[in-house]
Structures are given as structure tokens and as C-alpha cells.
Amino acid sequence: MSAPDVNLSNASSSSSDAPLYYTYQLIFSFKLVFYVLLMAVTIVGNSFILFVLFRQRKQFNFWRVNLFIFHLAIGDLLVALTSMSVNLISVPSHDRWLFGSLCLAKNCPAF
């Protein structure tokens, strides 16, 4: 979960590499904190909505609206658990896909 190593021992390159390294660290930290907070808020918020809807399932007032909100919360929860978790994994790996190549062609471009 760390940024790539930058050689700061050379005096001539350290003056040009140091600001770039710290800028990269700042962006890396911001992205990681943003994804964790967004994922946590999404999971907690949608779980709370599902909890409230299950507690009030005996009330049949506006049942179509409640069913629609239920399906939206389920969909949003699934997106948080699948898509956001893959994005959260790709941040420490520097936006590289960790699970091998998906291209089976012989001349597949490397991403």
C-alpha cells in the first residue's frame, strides 16, 4: 500500500523528484480515504434503509414506493460491495489490474 520508490539519494535528482513524490503520495492518500469513506457511507446508509423497510413491512401504505426504494437500496448495496471494492483494491496497486490478464489473444495490448 505504498507508493513506488523514488531514489532521493542523488542530490541532482532529489530536487526535481521530491515534489512529484509528495504530490503522488497526497493524491494516493486522498483517493484511498475517499474510496473508504464513500464505501462505508454507502454500505451503512443502504443497510439502514433496508432495516427501516423491513421493520415497516407490515404497513401497506405506499407499498409500491417502498418496493421501489427497497430495490434501489439493494442495487446500490451490490454496487458498493462489487464495483467499489474493485476500485478500492486498484488504488494501492497504482491502478493496475491485480487478477491477471483478461485478454486471451496472442497480441493483446498490455494495460
PDB file of N, CA and C in Angstrom:
ATOM      1  N   MET A   1       0.800  -1.181   0.000  1.00  0.00           N
ATOM      2  CA  MET A   1       0.000   0.000   0.000  1.00  0.00           C
ATOM      3  C   MET A   1       0.849   1.254   0.000  1.00  0.00           C
ATOM      4  N   SER A   2       2.026   1.164  -0.521  1.00  0.00           N
ATOM      5  CA  SER A   2       2.874   2.339  -0.552  1.00  0.00           C
ATOM      6  C   SER A   2       3.136   2.729  -1.992  1.00  0.00           C
ATOM      7  N   ALA A   3       3.570   3.962  -2.158  1.00  0.00           N
ATOM      8  CA  ALA A   3       3.866   4.491  -3.482  1.00  0.00           C
ATOM      9  C   ALA A   3       5.170   3.889  -3.990  1.00  0.00           C
ATOM     10  N   PRO A   4       5.406   3.966  -5.297  1.00  0.00           N
ATOM     11  CA  PRO A   4       6.649   3.428  -5.828  1.00  0.00           C
ATOM     12  C   PRO A   4       7.848   4.171  -5.253  1.00  0.00           C
ATOM     13  N   ASP A   5       8.954   3.436  -5.111  1.00  0.00           N
ATOM     14  CA  ASP A   5      10.156   4.019  -4.540  1.00  0.00           C
ATOM     15  C   ASP A   5      10.786   5.008  -5.506  1.00  0.00           C
ATOM     16  N   VAL A   6      11.195   6.122  -4.972  1.00  0.00           N
ATOM     17  CA  VAL A   6      11.892   7.140  -5.743  1.00  0.00           C
ATOM     18  C   VAL A   6      13.257   7.311  -5.115  1.00  0.00           C
ATOM     19  N   ASN A   7      14.291   7.294  -5.923  1.00  0.00           N
ATOM     20  CA  ASN A   7      15.651   7.437  -5.419  1.00  0.00           C
ATOM     21  C   ASN A   7      15.897   8.896  -5.065  1.00  0.00           C
ATOM     22  N   LEU A   8      15.927   9.174  -3.765  1.00  0.00           N
ATOM     23  CA  LEU A   8      16.157  10.535  -3.311  1.00  0.00           C
ATOM     24  C   LEU A   8      17.589  10.750  -2.831  1.00  0.00           C
ATOM     25  N   SER A   9      18.468   9.767  -3.038  1.00  0.00           N
ATOM     26  CA  SER A   9      19.838   9.882  -2.549  1.00  0.00           C
ATOM     27  C   SER A   9      20.694  10.779  -3.439  1.00  0.00           C
ATOM     28  N   ASN A  10      20.402  10.853  -4.703  1.00  0.00           N
ATOM     29  CA  ASN A  10      21.164  11.683  -5.621  1.00  0.00           C
ATOM     30  C   ASN A  10      20.743  13.136  -5.448  1.00  0.00           C
ATOM     31  N   ALA A  11      21.708  14.028  -5.204  1.00  0.00           N
ATOM     32  CA  ALA A  11      21.392  15.427  -4.925  1.00  0.00           C
ATOM     33  C   ALA A  11      20.811  16.127  -6.130  1.00  0.00           C
ATOM     34  N   SER A  12      21.232  15.773  -7.341  1.00  0.00           N
ATOM     35  CA  SER A  12      20.727  16.470  -8.522  1.00  0.00           C
ATOM     36  C   SER A  12      19.304  16.053  -8.854  1.00  0.00           C
ATOM     37  N   SER A  13      18.937  14.800  -8.593  1.00  0.00           N
ATOM     38  CA  SER A  13      17.583  14.356  -8.927  1.00  0.00           C
ATOM     39  C   SER A  13      16.612  14.557  -7.772  1.00  0.00           C
ATOM     40  N   SER A  14      17.109  14.713  -6.553  1.00  0.00           N
ATOM     41  CA  SER A  14      16.202  14.835  -5.418  1.00  0.00           C
ATOM     42  C   SER A  14      15.418  16.139  -5.446  1.00  0.00           C
ATOM     43  N   SER A  15      15.995  17.177  -6.005  1.00  0.00           N
ATOM     44  CA  SER A  15      15.275  18.445  -6.048  1.00  0.00           C
ATOM     45  C   SER A  15      14.121  18.400  -7.030  1.00  0.00           C
ATOM     46  N   SER A  16      14.223  17.598  -8.087  1.00  0.00           N
ATOM     47  CA  SER A  16      13.137  17.521  -9.053  1.00  0.00           C
ATOM     48  C   SER A  16      12.157  16.394  -8.734  1.00  0.00           C
ATOM     49  N   ASP A  17      12.610  15.322  -8.070  1.00  0.00           N
ATOM     50  CA  ASP A  17      11.746  14.190  -7.790  1.00  0.00           C
ATOM     51  C   ASP A  17      10.951  14.344  -6.502  1.00  0.00           C
ATOM     52  N   ALA A  18      11.458  15.084  -5.542  1.00  0.00           N
ATOM     53  CA  ALA A  18      10.800  15.174  -4.242  1.00  0.00           C
ATOM     54  C   ALA A  18       9.409  15.794  -4.317  1.00  0.00           C
ATOM     55  N   PRO A  19       9.191  16.919  -5.008  1.00  0.00           N
ATOM     56  CA  PRO A  19       7.823  17.459  -5.074  1.00  0.00           C
ATOM     57  C   PRO A  19       6.859  16.517  -5.784  1.00  0.00           C
ATOM     58  N   LEU A  20       7.337  15.836  -6.830  1.00  0.00           N
ATOM     59  CA  LEU A  20       6.492  14.888  -7.544  1.00  0.00           C
ATOM     60  C   LEU A  20       6.124  13.704  -6.652  1.00  0.00           C
ATOM     61  N   TYR A  21       7.087  13.228  -5.877  1.00  0.00           N
ATOM     62  CA  TYR A  21       6.848  12.104  -4.974  1.00  0.00           C
ATOM     63  C   TYR A  21       5.802  12.470  -3.918  1.00  0.00           C
ATOM     64  N   TYR A  22       5.932  13.635  -3.322  1.00  0.00           N
ATOM     65  CA  TYR A  22       4.987  14.037  -2.284  1.00  0.00           C
ATOM     66  C   TYR A  22       3.617  14.362  -2.853  1.00  0.00           C
ATOM     67  N   THR A  23       3.574  14.875  -4.068  1.00  0.00           N
ATOM     68  CA  THR A  23       2.290  15.100  -4.727  1.00  0.00           C
ATOM     69  C   THR A  23       1.606  13.769  -4.998  1.00  0.00           C
ATOM     70  N   TYR A  24       2.372  12.787  -5.452  1.00  0.00           N
ATOM     71  CA  TYR A  24       1.815  11.459  -5.706  1.00  0.00           C
ATOM     72  C   TYR A  24       1.295  10.837  -4.406  1.00  0.00           C
ATOM     73  N   GLN A  25       2.042  10.987  -3.320  1.00  0.00           N
ATOM     74  CA  GLN A  25       1.620  10.454  -2.025  1.00  0.00           C
ATOM     75  C   GLN A  25       0.319  11.114  -1.569  1.00  0.00           C
ATOM     76  N   LEU A  26       0.193  12.406  -1.790  1.00  0.00           N
ATOM     77  CA  LEU A  26      -1.015  13.131  -1.400  1.00  0.00           C
ATOM     78  C   LEU A  26      -2.223  12.656  -2.205  1.00  0.00           C
ATOM     79  N   ILE A  27      -2.045  12.488  -3.501  1.00  0.00           N
ATOM     80  CA  ILE A  27      -3.140  12.003  -4.350  1.00  0.00           C
ATOM     81  C   ILE A  27      -3.509  10.575  -3.970  1.00  0.00           C
ATOM     82  N   PHE A  28      -2.507   9.741  -3.731  1.00  0.00           N
ATOM     83  CA  PHE A  28      -2.738   8.356  -3.326  1.00  0.00           C
ATOM     84  C   PHE A  28      -3.525   8.306  -2.022  1.00  0.00           C
ATOM     85  N   SER A  29      -3.131   9.098  -1.044  1.00  0.00           N
ATOM     86  CA  SER A  29      -3.815   9.113   0.247  1.00  0.00           C
ATOM     87  C   SER A  29      -5.239   9.626   0.116  1.00  0.00           C
ATOM     88  N   PHE A  30      -5.432  10.673  -0.680  1.00  0.00           N
ATOM     89  CA  PHE A  30      -6.772  11.227  -0.875  1.00  0.00           C
ATOM     90  C   PHE A  30      -7.699  10.209  -1.530  1.00  0.00           C
ATOM     91  N   LYS A  31      -7.212   9.520  -2.579  1.00  0.00           N
ATOM     92  CA  LYS A  31      -8.040   8.526  -3.251  1.00  0.00           C
ATOM     93  C   LYS A  31      -8.411   7.382  -2.322  1.00  0.00           C
ATOM     94  N   LEU A  32      -7.461   6.925  -1.529  1.00  0.00           N
ATOM     95  CA  LEU A  32      -7.724   5.817  -0.619  1.00  0.00           C
ATOM     96  C   LEU A  32      -8.743   6.206   0.444  1.00  0.00           C
ATOM     97  N   VAL A  33      -8.581   7.368   1.049  1.00  0.00           N
ATOM     98  CA  VAL A  33      -9.523   7.832   2.070  1.00  0.00           C
ATOM     99  C   VAL A  33     -10.894   8.080   1.454  1.00  0.00           C
ATOM    100  N   PHE A  34     -10.939   8.646   0.252  1.00  0.00           N
ATOM    101  CA  PHE A  34     -12.210   8.914  -0.423  1.00  0.00           C
ATOM    102  C   PHE A  34     -12.969   7.618  -0.695  1.00  0.00           C
ATOM    103  N   TYR A  35     -12.295   6.607  -1.243  1.00  0.00           N
ATOM    104  CA  TYR A  35     -12.969   5.338  -1.529  1.00  0.00           C
ATOM    105  C   TYR A  35     -13.449   4.642  -0.260  1.00  0.00           C
ATOM    106  N   VAL A  36     -12.653   4.675   0.786  1.00  0.00           N
ATOM    107  CA  VAL A  36     -13.057   4.020   2.035  1.00  0.00           C
ATOM    108  C   VAL A  36     -14.269   4.726   2.633  1.00  0.00           C
ATOM    109  N   LEU A  37     -14.252   6.052   2.670  1.00  0.00           N
ATOM    110  CA  LEU A  37     -15.394   6.794   3.220  1.00  0.00           C
ATOM    111  C   LEU A  37     -16.645   6.612   2.365  1.00  0.00           C
ATOM    112  N   LEU A  38     -16.493   6.685   1.057  1.00  0.00           N
ATOM    113  CA  LEU A  38     -17.643   6.524   0.171  1.00  0.00           C
ATOM    114  C   LEU A  38     -18.250   5.131   0.303  1.00  0.00           C
ATOM    115  N   MET A  39     -17.398   4.127   0.382  1.00  0.00           N
ATOM    116  CA  MET A  39     -17.892   2.753   0.513  1.00  0.00           C
ATOM    117  C   MET A  39     -18.570   2.552   1.868  1.00  0.00           C
ATOM    118  N   ALA A  40     -17.995   3.101   2.931  1.00  0.00           N
ATOM    119  CA  ALA A  40     -18.581   2.950   4.261  1.00  0.00           C
ATOM    120  C   ALA A  40     -19.930   3.659   4.350  1.00  0.00           C
ATOM    121  N   VAL A  41     -20.009   4.874   3.835  1.00  0.00           N
ATOM    122  CA  VAL A  41     -21.276   5.624   3.879  1.00  0.00           C
ATOM    123  C   VAL A  41     -22.341   4.921   3.049  1.00  0.00           C
ATOM    124  N   THR A  42     -21.958   4.394   1.903  1.00  0.00           N
ATOM    125  CA  THR A  42     -22.917   3.686   1.044  1.00  0.00           C
ATOM    126  C   THR A  42     -23.441   2.423   1.721  1.00  0.00           C
ATOM    127  N   ILE A  43     -22.560   1.645   2.311  1.00  0.00           N
ATOM    128  CA  ILE A  43     -22.992   0.398   2.947  1.00  0.00           C
ATOM    129  C   ILE A  43     -23.838   0.681   4.180  1.00  0.00           C
ATOM    130  N   VAL A  44     -23.409   1.608   5.019  1.00  0.00           N
ATOM    131  CA  VAL A  44     -24.172   1.923   6.232  1.00  0.00           C
ATOM    132  C   VAL A  44     -25.519   2.543   5.881  1.00  0.00           C
ATOM    133  N   GLY A  45     -25.536   3.473   4.944  1.00  0.00           N
ATOM    134  CA  GLY A  45     -26.784   4.142   4.572  1.00  0.00           C
ATOM    135  C   GLY A  45     -27.807   3.200   3.967  1.00  0.00           C
ATOM    136  N   ASN A  46     -27.375   2.364   3.044  1.00  0.00           N
ATOM    137  CA  ASN A  46     -28.317   1.433   2.417  1.00  0.00           C
ATOM    138  C   ASN A  46     -28.738   0.319   3.358  1.00  0.00           C
ATOM    139  N   SER A  47     -27.860  -0.086   4.248  1.00  0.00           N
ATOM    140  CA  SER A  47     -28.257  -1.077   5.254  1.00  0.00           C
ATOM    141  C   SER A  47     -29.305  -0.496   6.192  1.00  0.00           C
ATOM    142  N   PHE A  48     -29.161   0.769   6.549  1.00  0.00           N
ATOM    143  CA  PHE A  48     -30.156   1.423   7.391  1.00  0.00           C
ATOM    144  C   PHE A  48     -31.503   1.524   6.679  1.00  0.00           C
ATOM    145  N   ILE A  49     -31.497   1.844   5.400  1.00  0.00           N
ATOM    146  CA  ILE A  49     -32.741   1.909   4.626  1.00  0.00           C
ATOM    147  C   ILE A  49     -33.413   0.542   4.592  1.00  0.00           C
ATOM    148  N   LEU A  50     -32.640  -0.518   4.362  1.00  0.00           N
ATOM    149  CA  LEU A  50     -33.218  -1.866   4.352  1.00  0.00           C
ATOM    150  C   LEU A  50     -33.759  -2.256   5.724  1.00  0.00           C
ATOM    151  N   PHE A  51     -33.060  -1.864   6.780  1.00  0.00           N
ATOM    152  CA  PHE A  51     -33.531  -2.134   8.137  1.00  0.00           C
ATOM    153  C   PHE A  51     -34.866  -1.443   8.401  1.00  0.00           C
ATOM    154  N   VAL A  52     -34.980  -0.194   8.017  1.00  0.00           N
ATOM    155  CA  VAL A  52     -36.237   0.556   8.221  1.00  0.00           C
ATOM    156  C   VAL A  52     -37.358  -0.056   7.400  1.00  0.00           C
ATOM    157  N   LEU A  53     -37.078  -0.438   6.164  1.00  0.00           N
ATOM    158  CA  LEU A  53     -38.131  -1.030   5.328  1.00  0.00           C
ATOM    159  C   LEU A  53     -38.574  -2.391   5.864  1.00  0.00           C
ATOM    160  N   PHE A  54     -37.658  -3.175   6.412  1.00  0.00           N
ATOM    161  CA  PHE A  54     -38.061  -4.463   6.974  1.00  0.00           C
ATOM    162  C   PHE A  54     -38.859  -4.301   8.264  1.00  0.00           C
ATOM    163  N   ARG A  55     -38.566  -3.257   9.028  1.00  0.00           N
ATOM    164  CA  ARG A  55     -39.344  -3.023  10.250  1.00  0.00           C
ATOM    165  C   ARG A  55     -40.753  -2.547   9.939  1.00  0.00           C
ATOM    166  N   GLN A  56     -40.933  -1.878   8.819  1.00  0.00           N
ATOM    167  CA  GLN A  56     -42.242  -1.340   8.465  1.00  0.00           C
ATOM    168  C   GLN A  56     -42.914  -2.137   7.355  1.00  0.00           C
ATOM    169  N   ARG A  57     -42.552  -3.380   7.189  1.00  0.00           N
ATOM    170  CA  ARG A  57     -43.119  -4.157   6.084  1.00  0.00           C
ATOM    171  C   ARG A  57     -44.594  -4.499   6.298  1.00  0.00           C
ATOM    172  N   LYS A  58     -45.078  -4.433   7.519  1.00  0.00           N
ATOM    173  CA  LYS A  58     -46.491  -4.726   7.759  1.00  0.00           C
ATOM    174  C   LYS A  58     -47.396  -3.569   7.400  1.00  0.00           C
ATOM    175  N   GLN A  59     -46.835  -2.400   7.259  1.00  0.00           N
ATOM    176  CA  GLN A  59     -47.620  -1.245   6.842  1.00  0.00           C
ATOM    177  C   GLN A  59     -47.701  -1.253   5.323  1.00  0.00           C
ATOM    178  N   PHE A  60     -48.919  -1.277   4.803  1.00  0.00           N
ATOM    179  CA  PHE A  60     -49.084  -1.378   3.362  1.00  0.00           C
ATOM    180  C   PHE A  60     -49.362  -0.034   2.710  1.00  0.00           C
ATOM    181  N   ASN A  61     -49.109   1.043   3.405  1.00  0.00           N
ATOM    182  CA  ASN A  61     -49.231   2.356   2.797  1.00  0.00           C
ATOM    183  C   ASN A  61     -48.044   2.584   1.873  1.00  0.00           C
ATOM    184  N   PHE A  62     -48.329   2.992   0.686  1.00  0.00           N
ATOM    185  CA  PHE A  62     -47.293   3.278  -0.307  1.00  0.00           C
ATOM    186  C   PHE A  62     -46.381   2.074  -0.542  1.00  0.00           C
ATOM    187  N   TRP A  63     -46.933   0.894  -0.677  1.00  0.00           N
ATOM    188  CA  TRP A  63     -46.113  -0.300  -0.804  1.00  0.00           C
ATOM    189  C   TRP A  63     -45.328  -0.316  -2.108  1.00  0.00           C
ATOM    190  N   ARG A  64     -45.853   0.323  -3.178  1.00  0.00           N
ATOM    191  CA  ARG A  64     -45.099   0.373  -4.435  1.00  0.00           C
ATOM    192  C   ARG A  64     -43.866   1.257  -4.297  1.00  0.00           C
ATOM    193  N   VAL A  65     -44.009   2.359  -3.591  1.00  0.00           N
ATOM    194  CA  VAL A  65     -42.870   3.249  -3.370  1.00  0.00           C
ATOM    195  C   VAL A  65     -41.830   2.550  -2.495  1.00  0.00           C
ATOM    196  N   ASN A  66     -42.284   1.860  -1.455  1.00  0.00           N
ATOM    197  CA  ASN A  66     -41.353   1.141  -0.583  1.00  0.00           C
ATOM    198  C   ASN A  66     -40.635   0.021  -1.338  1.00  0.00           C
ATOM    199  N   LEU A  67     -41.352  -0.656  -2.222  1.00  0.00           N
ATOM    200  CA  LEU A  67     -40.724  -1.701  -3.023  1.00  0.00           C
ATOM    201  C   LEU A  67     -39.669  -1.120  -3.957  1.00  0.00           C
ATOM    202  N   PHE A  68     -39.975   0.045  -4.540  1.00  0.00           N
ATOM    203  CA  PHE A  68     -39.010   0.712  -5.411  1.00  0.00           C
ATOM    204  C   PHE A  68     -37.766   1.131  -4.623  1.00  0.00           C
ATOM    205  N   ILE A  69     -37.953   1.711  -3.451  1.00  0.00           N
ATOM    206  CA  ILE A  69     -36.827   2.119  -2.611  1.00  0.00           C
ATOM    207  C   ILE A  69     -36.030   0.898  -2.157  1.00  0.00           C
ATOM    208  N   PHE A  70     -36.723  -0.204  -1.858  1.00  0.00           N
ATOM    209  CA  PHE A  70     -36.050  -1.442  -1.480  1.00  0.00           C
ATOM    210  C   PHE A  70     -35.129  -1.926  -2.597  1.00  0.00           C
ATOM    211  N   HIS A  71     -35.631  -1.938  -3.824  1.00  0.00           N
ATOM    212  CA  HIS A  71     -34.817  -2.396  -4.947  1.00  0.00           C
ATOM    213  C   HIS A  71     -33.658  -1.441  -5.233  1.00  0.00           C
ATOM    214  N   LEU A  72     -33.870  -0.147  -5.077  1.00  0.00           N
ATOM    215  CA  LEU A  72     -32.770   0.807  -5.241  1.00  0.00           C
ATOM    216  C   LEU A  72     -31.683   0.587  -4.189  1.00  0.00           C
ATOM    217  N   ALA A  73     -32.090   0.335  -2.961  1.00  0.00           N
ATOM    218  CA  ALA A  73     -31.113   0.113  -1.887  1.00  0.00           C
ATOM    219  C   ALA A  73     -30.332  -1.181  -2.111  1.00  0.00           C
ATOM    220  N   ILE A  74     -31.005  -2.226  -2.561  1.00  0.00           N
ATOM    221  CA  ILE A  74     -30.323  -3.496  -2.859  1.00  0.00           C
ATOM    222  C   ILE A  74     -29.321  -3.300  -3.992  1.00  0.00           C
ATOM    223  N   GLY A  75     -29.739  -2.610  -5.044  1.00  0.00           N
ATOM    224  CA  GLY A  75     -28.840  -2.366  -6.174  1.00  0.00           C
ATOM    225  C   GLY A  75     -27.638  -1.533  -5.780  1.00  0.00           C
ATOM    226  N   ASP A  76     -27.867  -0.500  -4.991  1.00  0.00           N
ATOM    227  CA  ASP A  76     -26.774   0.356  -4.555  1.00  0.00           C
ATOM    228  C   ASP A  76     -25.833  -0.388  -3.613  1.00  0.00           C
ATOM    229  N   LEU A  77     -26.374  -1.237  -2.781  1.00  0.00           N
ATOM    230  CA  LEU A  77     -25.543  -2.045  -1.890  1.00  0.00           C
ATOM    231  C   LEU A  77     -24.680  -3.032  -2.676  1.00  0.00           C
ATOM    232  N   LEU A  78     -25.243  -3.623  -3.714  1.00  0.00           N
ATOM    233  CA  LEU A  78     -24.465  -4.542  -4.550  1.00  0.00           C
ATOM    234  C   LEU A  78     -23.359  -3.813  -5.310  1.00  0.00           C
ATOM    235  N   VAL A  79     -23.638  -2.602  -5.781  1.00  0.00           N
ATOM    236  CA  VAL A  79     -22.602  -1.810  -6.444  1.00  0.00           C
ATOM    237  C   VAL A  79     -21.491  -1.474  -5.463  1.00  0.00           C
ATOM    238  N   ALA A  80     -21.852  -1.132  -4.235  1.00  0.00           N
ATOM    239  CA  ALA A  80     -20.842  -0.799  -3.226  1.00  0.00           C
ATOM    240  C   ALA A  80     -19.972  -1.999  -2.898  1.00  0.00           C
ATOM    241  N   LEU A  81     -20.566  -3.177  -2.858  1.00  0.00           N
ATOM    242  CA  LEU A  81     -19.803  -4.364  -2.488  1.00  0.00           C
ATOM    243  C   LEU A  81     -18.985  -4.942  -3.639  1.00  0.00           C
ATOM    244  N   THR A  82     -19.391  -4.700  -4.878  1.00  0.00           N
ATOM    245  CA  THR A  82     -18.665  -5.274  -6.009  1.00  0.00           C
ATOM    246  C   THR A  82     -17.765  -4.238  -6.690  1.00  0.00           C
ATOM    247  N   SER A  83     -18.353  -3.232  -7.254  1.00  0.00           N
ATOM    248  CA  SER A  83     -17.588  -2.263  -8.038  1.00  0.00           C
ATOM    249  C   SER A  83     -16.664  -1.410  -7.176  1.00  0.00           C
ATOM    250  N   MET A  84     -17.171  -0.920  -6.061  1.00  0.00           N
ATOM    251  CA  MET A  84     -16.339  -0.074  -5.208  1.00  0.00           C
ATOM    252  C   MET A  84     -15.200  -0.860  -4.568  1.00  0.00           C
ATOM    253  N   SER A  85     -15.424  -2.131  -4.285  1.00  0.00           N
ATOM    254  CA  SER A  85     -14.336  -2.918  -3.700  1.00  0.00           C
ATOM    255  C   SER A  85     -13.229  -3.155  -4.715  1.00  0.00           C
ATOM    256  N   VAL A  86     -13.563  -3.329  -5.991  1.00  0.00           N
ATOM    257  CA  VAL A  86     -12.538  -3.479  -7.023  1.00  0.00           C
ATOM    258  C   VAL A  86     -11.767  -2.168  -7.171  1.00  0.00           C
ATOM    259  N   ASN A  87     -12.460  -1.034  -7.114  1.00  0.00           N
ATOM    260  CA  ASN A  87     -11.770   0.256  -7.172  1.00  0.00           C
ATOM    261  C   ASN A  87     -10.888   0.457  -5.949  1.00  0.00           C
ATOM    262  N   LEU A  88     -11.345   0.003  -4.806  1.00  0.00           N
ATOM    263  CA  LEU A  88     -10.556   0.128  -3.588  1.00  0.00           C
ATOM    264  C   LEU A  88      -9.295  -0.732  -3.655  1.00  0.00           C
ATOM    265  N   ILE A  89      -9.366  -1.873  -4.315  1.00  0.00           N
ATOM    266  CA  ILE A  89      -8.196  -2.729  -4.493  1.00  0.00           C
ATOM    267  C   ILE A  89      -7.231  -2.118  -5.500  1.00  0.00           C
ATOM    268  N   SER A  90      -7.750  -1.433  -6.521  1.00  0.00           N
ATOM    269  CA  SER A  90      -6.878  -0.892  -7.559  1.00  0.00           C
ATOM    270  C   SER A  90      -6.114   0.346  -7.112  1.00  0.00           C
ATOM    271  N   VAL A  91      -6.539   1.025  -6.052  1.00  0.00           N
ATOM    272  CA  VAL A  91      -5.820   2.215  -5.594  1.00  0.00           C
ATOM    273  C   VAL A  91      -4.444   1.866  -5.051  1.00  0.00           C
ATOM    274  N   PRO A  92      -4.298   0.913  -4.121  1.00  0.00           N
ATOM    275  CA  PRO A  92      -2.934   0.602  -3.648  1.00  0.00           C
ATOM    276  C   PRO A  92      -2.051  -0.058  -4.702  1.00  0.00           C
ATOM    277  N   SER A  93      -2.646  -0.659  -5.712  1.00  0.00           N
ATOM    278  CA  SER A  93      -1.846  -1.301  -6.758  1.00  0.00           C
ATOM    279  C   SER A  93      -1.544  -0.341  -7.896  1.00  0.00           C
ATOM    280  N   HIS A  94      -1.767   0.952  -7.674  1.00  0.00           N
ATOM    281  CA  HIS A  94      -1.436   2.007  -8.634  1.00  0.00           C
ATOM    282  C   HIS A  94      -2.210   1.841  -9.932  1.00  0.00           C
ATOM    283  N   ASP A  95      -3.512   1.599  -9.802  1.00  0.00           N
ATOM    284  CA  ASP A  95      -4.465   1.486 -10.910  1.00  0.00           C
ATOM    285  C   ASP A  95      -4.107   0.381 -11.902  1.00  0.00           C
ATOM    286  N   ARG A  96      -3.561  -0.714 -11.397  1.00  0.00           N
ATOM    287  CA  ARG A  96      -3.289  -1.885 -12.220  1.00  0.00           C
ATOM    288  C   ARG A  96      -4.226  -3.009 -11.812  1.00  0.00           C
ATOM    289  N   TRP A  97      -4.590  -3.827 -12.773  1.00  0.00           N
ATOM    290  CA  TRP A  97      -5.469  -4.966 -12.509  1.00  0.00           C
ATOM    291  C   TRP A  97      -4.644  -6.082 -11.889  1.00  0.00           C
ATOM    292  N   LEU A  98      -5.041  -6.531 -10.704  1.00  0.00           N
ATOM    293  CA  LEU A  98      -4.249  -7.498  -9.949  1.00  0.00           C
ATOM    294  C   LEU A  98      -4.528  -8.951 -10.297  1.00  0.00           C
ATOM    295  N   PHE A  99      -5.605  -9.225 -10.985  1.00  0.00           N
ATOM    296  CA  PHE A  99      -6.072 -10.600 -11.132  1.00  0.00           C
ATOM    297  C   PHE A  99      -5.686 -11.236 -12.462  1.00  0.00           C
ATOM    298  N   GLY A 100      -4.570 -10.834 -13.040  1.00  0.00           N
ATOM    299  CA  GLY A 100      -4.088 -11.452 -14.259  1.00  0.00           C
ATOM    300  C   GLY A 100      -4.674 -10.827 -15.506  1.00  0.00           C
ATOM    301  N   SER A 101      -4.204 -11.307 -16.629  1.00  0.00           N
ATOM    302  CA  SER A 101      -4.649 -10.783 -17.908  1.00  0.00           C
ATOM    303  C   SER A 101      -6.007 -11.371 -18.275  1.00  0.00           C
ATOM    304  N   LEU A 102      -6.877 -10.529 -18.763  1.00  0.00           N
ATOM    305  CA  LEU A 102      -8.192 -10.993 -19.209  1.00  0.00           C
ATOM    306  C   LEU A 102      -8.226 -11.233 -20.709  1.00  0.00           C
ATOM    307  N   CYS A 103      -7.184 -10.802 -21.381  1.00  0.00           N
ATOM    308  CA  CYS A 103      -7.124 -10.946 -22.832  1.00  0.00           C
ATOM    309  C   CYS A 103      -6.484 -12.287 -23.177  1.00  0.00           C
ATOM    310  N   LEU A 104      -7.165 -13.073 -23.970  1.00  0.00           N
ATOM    311  CA  LEU A 104      -6.660 -14.387 -24.347  1.00  0.00           C
ATOM    312  C   LEU A 104      -6.031 -14.386 -25.720  1.00  0.00           C
ATOM    313  N   ALA A 105      -6.056 -13.248 -26.420  1.00  0.00           N
ATOM    314  CA  ALA A 105      -5.469 -13.160 -27.749  1.00  0.00           C
ATOM    315  C   ALA A 105      -3.943 -13.181 -27.661  1.00  0.00           C
ATOM    316  N   LYS A 106      -3.326 -13.539 -28.770  1.00  0.00           N
ATOM    317  CA  LYS A 106      -1.877 -13.640 -28.773  1.00  0.00           C
ATOM    318  C   LYS A 106      -1.203 -12.268 -28.720  1.00  0.00           C
ATOM    319  N   ASN A 107      -1.707 -11.294 -29.426  1.00  0.00           N
ATOM    320  CA  ASN A 107      -1.133  -9.953 -29.468  1.00  0.00           C
ATOM    321  C   ASN A 107      -2.003  -8.985 -28.677  1.00  0.00           C
ATOM    322  N   CYS A 108      -2.177  -9.268 -27.416  1.00  0.00           N
ATOM    323  CA  CYS A 108      -3.028  -8.425 -26.578  1.00  0.00           C
ATOM    324  C   CYS A 108      -2.224  -7.231 -26.064  1.00  0.00           C
ATOM    325  N   PRO A 109      -2.781  -6.031 -26.183  1.00  0.00           N
ATOM    326  CA  PRO A 109      -2.045  -4.873 -25.658  1.00  0.00           C
ATOM    327  C   PRO A 109      -2.006  -4.906 -24.131  1.00  0.00           C
ATOM    328  N   ALA A 110      -0.883  -4.545 -23.585  1.00  0.00           N
ATOM    329  CA  ALA A 110      -0.727  -4.522 -22.128  1.00  0.00           C
ATOM    330  C   ALA A 110      -1.254  -3.199 -21.595  1.00  0.00           C
ATOM    331  N   PHE A 111      -2.053  -3.289 -20.579  1.00  0.00           N
ATOM    332  CA  PHE A 111      -2.613  -2.074 -19.969  1.00  0.00           C
ATOM    333  C   PHE A 111      -1.907  -1.756 -18.704  1.00  0.00           C
TER     334      PHE A 111
END
